[in-house]
Amino acid sequence: MDAAQTYRTLAERGTTVVSIQGSEFIGHASPATDQSAAETFIETVCENHSDATHNVPAYRVHTGTDSRLLREYSNDDGEPSGSAGKPLLNVLQGQELENVVVVVTRYFGGTELGVGGLVRAYSQATTQAIDAAGTVDTVPHEEFLVTVDYDDSGTVRGTLESAGVDFDATYEEQVSFHVRLPLADGDSLRDRLQSATSGRVTID
């Protein structure tokens, strides 16, 4: 796929609570830039709900240097095989969401729901959490660090501002610019920065 092609992800974090036959299912959904961010979100939810019967996770995130490659993951966390994690992942796949992570927390209410009931409950909690978060279309982004001496920092800042990209500057012994921009624009901007500073810029 073309690097500029958009993909669908979550606009923000969202939560929901679904009560079924005494069990409480809490859906948590969040955008995630990569696998590390997804796993950190899962760990946080598990810590916040360490007393829950189950914390079932799933995610679909870009991986490697090719933003169109997806890593998909789900886990039943002790529920019957295929009754929990897979339904979460199926919802993410069905809605064609990328760079997204969900966790459904279950507090058991004393009534067995059966595999079919669990599939419906976990799917419903996931769908409602996604609805609460909202979705947005975006393009693949990349981040890189630009480091220069003070004498060239104004030139670099001007180049970044003229390109209209997001960046943060840190002034220490040298000046570092943390840049975030659409993947399709990265090579062009790196060339502009090298040209503007006659090669005196370091880009990582």
C-alpha atoms as a PDB file:
ATOM      1  CA  MET A   1       0.000   0.000   0.000  1.00  0.00           C
ATOM      2  CA  ASP A   2       1.044   3.585  -0.544  1.00  0.00           C
ATOM      3  CA  ALA A   3       2.591   5.238   2.520  1.00  0.00           C
ATOM      4  CA  ALA A   4       0.134   8.121   2.283  1.00  0.00           C
ATOM      5  CA  GLN A   5      -2.905   5.861   2.397  1.00  0.00           C
ATOM      6  CA  THR A   6      -5.085   6.516   5.412  1.00  0.00           C
ATOM      7  CA  TYR A   7      -6.019   4.002   8.061  1.00  0.00           C
ATOM      8  CA  ARG A   8      -8.724   3.963  10.714  1.00  0.00           C
ATOM      9  CA  THR A   9      -7.840   4.204  14.390  1.00  0.00           C
ATOM     10  CA  LEU A  10      -9.334   5.508  17.643  1.00  0.00           C
ATOM     11  CA  ALA A  11      -9.714   9.229  18.273  1.00  0.00           C
ATOM     12  CA  GLU A  12      -9.109   8.873  22.035  1.00  0.00           C
ATOM     13  CA  ARG A  13      -9.547   6.437  24.897  1.00  0.00           C
ATOM     14  CA  GLY A  14     -12.987   5.073  25.666  1.00  0.00           C
ATOM     15  CA  THR A  15     -14.586   2.925  28.366  1.00  0.00           C
ATOM     16  CA  THR A  16     -17.930   1.227  28.850  1.00  0.00           C
ATOM     17  CA  VAL A  17     -19.647  -1.062  31.354  1.00  0.00           C
ATOM     18  CA  VAL A  18     -21.883  -3.956  30.315  1.00  0.00           C
ATOM     19  CA  SER A  19     -23.789  -6.007  32.921  1.00  0.00           C
ATOM     20  CA  ILE A  20     -24.955  -9.483  31.891  1.00  0.00           C
ATOM     21  CA  GLN A  21     -26.517 -11.960  34.323  1.00  0.00           C
ATOM     22  CA  GLY A  22     -24.626 -10.543  37.276  1.00  0.00           C
ATOM     23  CA  SER A  23     -21.225 -10.348  35.566  1.00  0.00           C
ATOM     24  CA  GLU A  24     -19.769  -6.917  34.874  1.00  0.00           C
ATOM     25  CA  PHE A  25     -17.748  -6.437  31.694  1.00  0.00           C
ATOM     26  CA  ILE A  26     -15.718  -3.215  31.534  1.00  0.00           C
ATOM     27  CA  GLY A  27     -14.431  -2.364  28.071  1.00  0.00           C
ATOM     28  CA  HIS A  28     -11.274  -0.246  27.741  1.00  0.00           C
ATOM     29  CA  ALA A  29     -10.131   0.944  24.302  1.00  0.00           C
ATOM     30  CA  SER A  30      -7.189   3.136  23.338  1.00  0.00           C
ATOM     31  CA  PRO A  31      -5.114   4.200  20.353  1.00  0.00           C
ATOM     32  CA  ALA A  32      -1.584   2.739  20.458  1.00  0.00           C
ATOM     33  CA  THR A  33       1.346   3.824  18.300  1.00  0.00           C
ATOM     34  CA  ASP A  34       3.110   0.455  18.492  1.00  0.00           C
ATOM     35  CA  GLN A  35       3.319  -2.877  20.305  1.00  0.00           C
ATOM     36  CA  SER A  36       5.106  -1.370  23.307  1.00  0.00           C
ATOM     37  CA  ALA A  37       2.372   1.230  23.804  1.00  0.00           C
ATOM     38  CA  ALA A  38      -0.319  -1.442  23.480  1.00  0.00           C
ATOM     39  CA  GLU A  39       1.329  -3.705  26.053  1.00  0.00           C
ATOM     40  CA  THR A  40       1.837  -0.790  28.448  1.00  0.00           C
ATOM     41  CA  PHE A  41      -1.882   0.005  28.223  1.00  0.00           C
ATOM     42  CA  ILE A  42      -2.748  -3.646  28.920  1.00  0.00           C
ATOM     43  CA  GLU A  43      -0.443  -3.715  31.944  1.00  0.00           C
ATOM     44  CA  THR A  44      -2.020  -0.540  33.329  1.00  0.00           C
ATOM     45  CA  VAL A  45      -5.547  -1.903  33.010  1.00  0.00           C
ATOM     46  CA  CYS A  46      -4.507  -5.188  34.633  1.00  0.00           C
ATOM     47  CA  GLU A  47      -2.897  -3.321  37.526  1.00  0.00           C
ATOM     48  CA  ASN A  48      -5.953  -1.112  38.000  1.00  0.00           C
ATOM     49  CA  HIS A  49      -8.228  -4.162  37.975  1.00  0.00           C
ATOM     50  CA  SER A  50      -5.993  -6.731  39.648  1.00  0.00           C
ATOM     51  CA  ASP A  51      -9.017  -7.999  41.622  1.00  0.00           C
ATOM     52  CA  ALA A  52     -10.984  -8.832  38.456  1.00  0.00           C
ATOM     53  CA  THR A  53     -11.766 -12.399  37.407  1.00  0.00           C
ATOM     54  CA  HIS A  54     -10.334 -11.814  33.917  1.00  0.00           C
ATOM     55  CA  ASN A  55      -8.584  -9.032  31.993  1.00  0.00           C
ATOM     56  CA  VAL A  56      -8.832 -10.018  28.330  1.00  0.00           C
ATOM     57  CA  PRO A  57      -6.576  -8.111  25.848  1.00  0.00           C
ATOM     58  CA  ALA A  58      -6.314  -7.718  22.092  1.00  0.00           C
ATOM     59  CA  TYR A  59      -4.528  -5.324  19.774  1.00  0.00           C
ATOM     60  CA  ARG A  60      -3.698  -4.579  16.136  1.00  0.00           C
ATOM     61  CA  VAL A  61      -0.632  -2.356  15.709  1.00  0.00           C
ATOM     62  CA  HIS A  62       1.830  -1.373  13.010  1.00  0.00           C
ATOM     63  CA  THR A  63       5.178  -3.097  13.329  1.00  0.00           C
ATOM     64  CA  GLY A  64       8.645  -2.781  11.855  1.00  0.00           C
ATOM     65  CA  THR A  65       9.717  -0.199   9.325  1.00  0.00           C
ATOM     66  CA  ASP A  66       6.684  -0.855   7.119  1.00  0.00           C
ATOM     67  CA  SER A  67       3.717   0.811   8.779  1.00  0.00           C
ATOM     68  CA  ARG A  68       1.336  -1.363   6.784  1.00  0.00           C
ATOM     69  CA  LEU A  69       2.520  -4.553   8.480  1.00  0.00           C
ATOM     70  CA  LEU A  70       0.241  -5.401  11.379  1.00  0.00           C
ATOM     71  CA  ARG A  71       0.892  -7.402  14.517  1.00  0.00           C
ATOM     72  CA  GLU A  72      -2.316  -8.922  15.854  1.00  0.00           C
ATOM     73  CA  TYR A  73      -2.593 -10.349  19.356  1.00  0.00           C
ATOM     74  CA  SER A  74      -5.279 -11.662  21.683  1.00  0.00           C
ATOM     75  CA  ASN A  75      -5.443 -13.748  24.853  1.00  0.00           C
ATOM     76  CA  ASP A  76      -8.363 -15.433  26.615  1.00  0.00           C
ATOM     77  CA  ASP A  77      -6.838 -14.836  30.091  1.00  0.00           C
ATOM     78  CA  GLY A  78      -8.341 -17.981  31.539  1.00  0.00           C
ATOM     79  CA  GLU A  79     -11.718 -17.891  29.801  1.00  0.00           C
ATOM     80  CA  PRO A  80     -12.657 -20.924  27.638  1.00  0.00           C
ATOM     81  CA  SER A  81     -10.560 -21.085  24.468  1.00  0.00           C
ATOM     82  CA  GLY A  82     -11.874 -18.785  21.744  1.00  0.00           C
ATOM     83  CA  SER A  83     -14.572 -17.240  23.938  1.00  0.00           C
ATOM     84  CA  ALA A  84     -12.890 -13.954  24.861  1.00  0.00           C
ATOM     85  CA  GLY A  85      -9.679 -12.792  23.167  1.00  0.00           C
ATOM     86  CA  LYS A  86     -10.684 -13.873  19.676  1.00  0.00           C
ATOM     87  CA  PRO A  87     -14.033 -12.002  19.813  1.00  0.00           C
ATOM     88  CA  LEU A  88     -12.142  -8.822  20.797  1.00  0.00           C
ATOM     89  CA  LEU A  89      -9.776  -9.226  17.857  1.00  0.00           C
ATOM     90  CA  ASN A  90     -12.661 -10.048  15.524  1.00  0.00           C
ATOM     91  CA  VAL A  91     -14.288  -6.703  16.366  1.00  0.00           C
ATOM     92  CA  LEU A  92     -11.038  -4.833  15.645  1.00  0.00           C
ATOM     93  CA  GLN A  93     -10.656  -6.676  12.353  1.00  0.00           C
ATOM     94  CA  GLY A  94     -14.301  -6.214  11.409  1.00  0.00           C
ATOM     95  CA  GLN A  95     -14.072  -2.454  11.956  1.00  0.00           C
ATOM     96  CA  GLU A  96     -10.695  -2.373  10.161  1.00  0.00           C
ATOM     97  CA  LEU A  97      -9.032  -0.582  13.076  1.00  0.00           C
ATOM     98  CA  GLU A  98      -5.240  -0.256  13.279  1.00  0.00           C
ATOM     99  CA  ASN A  99      -2.922   0.998  16.019  1.00  0.00           C
ATOM    100  CA  VAL A 100      -5.554   0.156  18.602  1.00  0.00           C
ATOM    101  CA  VAL A 101      -5.662  -1.865  21.828  1.00  0.00           C
ATOM    102  CA  VAL A 102      -8.625  -3.104  23.881  1.00  0.00           C
ATOM    103  CA  VAL A 103      -8.963  -4.829  27.238  1.00  0.00           C
ATOM    104  CA  VAL A 104     -12.233  -6.182  28.592  1.00  0.00           C
ATOM    105  CA  THR A 105     -12.261  -6.643  32.353  1.00  0.00           C
ATOM    106  CA  ARG A 106     -14.715  -9.182  33.780  1.00  0.00           C
ATOM    107  CA  TYR A 107     -15.993  -9.399  37.332  1.00  0.00           C
ATOM    108  CA  PHE A 108     -17.765 -12.763  37.606  1.00  0.00           C
ATOM    109  CA  GLY A 109     -21.305 -12.558  38.912  1.00  0.00           C
ATOM    110  CA  GLY A 110     -21.947 -16.206  39.723  1.00  0.00           C
ATOM    111  CA  THR A 111     -23.769 -17.316  36.562  1.00  0.00           C
ATOM    112  CA  GLU A 112     -21.966 -19.252  33.833  1.00  0.00           C
ATOM    113  CA  LEU A 113     -22.671 -17.691  30.433  1.00  0.00           C
ATOM    114  CA  GLY A 114     -21.405 -20.497  28.200  1.00  0.00           C
ATOM    115  CA  VAL A 115     -19.067 -19.951  25.270  1.00  0.00           C
ATOM    116  CA  GLY A 116     -21.744 -18.316  23.113  1.00  0.00           C
ATOM    117  CA  GLY A 117     -22.752 -15.958  25.897  1.00  0.00           C
ATOM    118  CA  LEU A 118     -19.146 -15.015  26.552  1.00  0.00           C
ATOM    119  CA  VAL A 119     -18.509 -14.306  22.877  1.00  0.00           C
ATOM    120  CA  ARG A 120     -21.508 -11.967  22.781  1.00  0.00           C
ATOM    121  CA  ALA A 121     -20.573 -10.259  26.043  1.00  0.00           C
ATOM    122  CA  TYR A 122     -16.934  -9.644  25.155  1.00  0.00           C
ATOM    123  CA  SER A 123     -17.866  -8.504  21.651  1.00  0.00           C
ATOM    124  CA  GLN A 124     -20.476  -6.093  23.005  1.00  0.00           C
ATOM    125  CA  ALA A 125     -18.088  -4.581  25.563  1.00  0.00           C
ATOM    126  CA  THR A 126     -15.431  -4.113  22.880  1.00  0.00           C
ATOM    127  CA  THR A 127     -17.822  -2.516  20.406  1.00  0.00           C
ATOM    128  CA  GLN A 128     -19.212  -0.121  22.994  1.00  0.00           C
ATOM    129  CA  ALA A 129     -15.731   0.891  24.204  1.00  0.00           C
ATOM    130  CA  ILE A 130     -14.764   1.663  20.604  1.00  0.00           C
ATOM    131  CA  ASP A 131     -17.969   3.680  20.165  1.00  0.00           C
ATOM    132  CA  ALA A 132     -17.096   5.650  23.307  1.00  0.00           C
ATOM    133  CA  ALA A 133     -13.597   6.375  21.996  1.00  0.00           C
ATOM    134  CA  GLY A 134     -14.703   7.360  18.516  1.00  0.00           C
ATOM    135  CA  THR A 135     -12.753   6.675  15.336  1.00  0.00           C
ATOM    136  CA  VAL A 136     -10.672   8.832  13.032  1.00  0.00           C
ATOM    137  CA  ASP A 137      -8.922   8.368   9.695  1.00  0.00           C
ATOM    138  CA  THR A 138      -5.214   9.203   9.718  1.00  0.00           C
ATOM    139  CA  VAL A 139      -2.057   8.556   7.712  1.00  0.00           C
ATOM    140  CA  PRO A 140       1.030   6.619   8.871  1.00  0.00           C
ATOM    141  CA  HIS A 141       3.468   8.827  10.778  1.00  0.00           C
ATOM    142  CA  GLU A 142       7.112   8.544  11.720  1.00  0.00           C
ATOM    143  CA  GLU A 143       9.297  10.273  14.291  1.00  0.00           C
ATOM    144  CA  PHE A 144      12.966  11.213  14.174  1.00  0.00           C
ATOM    145  CA  LEU A 145      15.459  13.302  16.118  1.00  0.00           C
ATOM    146  CA  VAL A 146      17.336  16.221  14.555  1.00  0.00           C
ATOM    147  CA  THR A 147      20.453  17.482  16.384  1.00  0.00           C
ATOM    148  CA  VAL A 148      22.462  20.597  15.474  1.00  0.00           C
ATOM    149  CA  ASP A 149      24.770  23.199  16.971  1.00  0.00           C
ATOM    150  CA  TYR A 150      23.207  26.449  18.134  1.00  0.00           C
ATOM    151  CA  ASP A 151      24.410  28.306  15.038  1.00  0.00           C
ATOM    152  CA  ASP A 152      22.198  26.140  12.815  1.00  0.00           C
ATOM    153  CA  SER A 153      19.228  25.828  15.173  1.00  0.00           C
ATOM    154  CA  GLY A 154      17.395  28.810  13.711  1.00  0.00           C
ATOM    155  CA  THR A 155      17.738  27.414  10.206  1.00  0.00           C
ATOM    156  CA  VAL A 156      16.416  24.026  11.296  1.00  0.00           C
ATOM    157  CA  ARG A 157      13.515  25.559  13.223  1.00  0.00           C
ATOM    158  CA  GLY A 158      12.591  27.686  10.214  1.00  0.00           C
ATOM    159  CA  THR A 159      12.690  24.668   7.906  1.00  0.00           C
ATOM    160  CA  LEU A 160      10.470  22.648  10.240  1.00  0.00           C
ATOM    161  CA  GLU A 161       8.008  25.505  10.669  1.00  0.00           C
ATOM    162  CA  SER A 162       7.789  26.078   6.913  1.00  0.00           C
ATOM    163  CA  ALA A 163       7.067  22.356   6.457  1.00  0.00           C
ATOM    164  CA  GLY A 164       4.215  22.579   8.960  1.00  0.00           C
ATOM    165  CA  VAL A 165       5.279  19.504  10.953  1.00  0.00           C
ATOM    166  CA  ASP A 166       4.926  18.844  14.671  1.00  0.00           C
ATOM    167  CA  PHE A 167       8.141  19.183  16.667  1.00  0.00           C
ATOM    168  CA  ASP A 168       9.534  19.853  20.144  1.00  0.00           C
ATOM    169  CA  ALA A 169      12.890  21.532  20.713  1.00  0.00           C
ATOM    170  CA  THR A 170      15.336  20.840  23.561  1.00  0.00           C
ATOM    171  CA  TYR A 171      18.210  23.255  24.178  1.00  0.00           C
ATOM    172  CA  GLU A 172      21.255  21.713  25.872  1.00  0.00           C
ATOM    173  CA  GLU A 173      24.875  21.544  24.667  1.00  0.00           C
ATOM    174  CA  GLN A 174      23.331  21.159  21.251  1.00  0.00           C
ATOM    175  CA  VAL A 175      19.771  21.729  20.077  1.00  0.00           C
ATOM    176  CA  SER A 176      17.573  18.687  19.510  1.00  0.00           C
ATOM    177  CA  PHE A 177      14.313  18.715  17.593  1.00  0.00           C
ATOM    178  CA  HIS A 178      11.949  15.779  18.043  1.00  0.00           C
ATOM    179  CA  VAL A 179       9.959  15.690  14.800  1.00  0.00           C
ATOM    180  CA  ARG A 180       6.716  13.875  13.967  1.00  0.00           C
ATOM    181  CA  LEU A 181       5.321  13.928  10.433  1.00  0.00           C
ATOM    182  CA  PRO A 182       3.503  11.795   7.836  1.00  0.00           C
ATOM    183  CA  LEU A 183       5.651   8.906   6.656  1.00  0.00           C
ATOM    184  CA  ALA A 184       5.320   9.955   3.027  1.00  0.00           C
ATOM    185  CA  ASP A 185       6.978  13.338   3.767  1.00  0.00           C
ATOM    186  CA  GLY A 186       9.971  12.065   5.762  1.00  0.00           C
ATOM    187  CA  ASP A 187      12.606  11.623   3.067  1.00  0.00           C
ATOM    188  CA  SER A 188      11.887  15.000   1.510  1.00  0.00           C
ATOM    189  CA  LEU A 189      12.191  16.839   4.827  1.00  0.00           C
ATOM    190  CA  ARG A 190      15.423  15.065   5.743  1.00  0.00           C
ATOM    191  CA  ASP A 191      16.895  16.162   2.414  1.00  0.00           C
ATOM    192  CA  ARG A 192      15.774  19.762   3.020  1.00  0.00           C
ATOM    193  CA  LEU A 193      17.367  19.797   6.465  1.00  0.00           C
ATOM    194  CA  GLN A 194      20.667  18.442   5.152  1.00  0.00           C
ATOM    195  CA  SER A 195      20.674  20.982   2.317  1.00  0.00           C
ATOM    196  CA  ALA A 196      19.745  23.939   4.550  1.00  0.00           C
ATOM    197  CA  THR A 197      22.609  23.230   6.960  1.00  0.00           C
ATOM    198  CA  SER A 198      25.144  22.060   4.363  1.00  0.00           C
ATOM    199  CA  GLY A 199      25.150  18.630   5.969  1.00  0.00           C
ATOM    200  CA  ARG A 200      25.841  19.842   9.502  1.00  0.00           C
ATOM    201  CA  VAL A 201      22.673  18.252  10.904  1.00  0.00           C
ATOM    202  CA  THR A 202      22.495  14.827  12.554  1.00  0.00           C
ATOM    203  CA  ILE A 203      19.275  12.899  11.982  1.00  0.00           C
ATOM    204  CA  ASP A 204      18.458   9.757  13.953  1.00  0.00           C
END
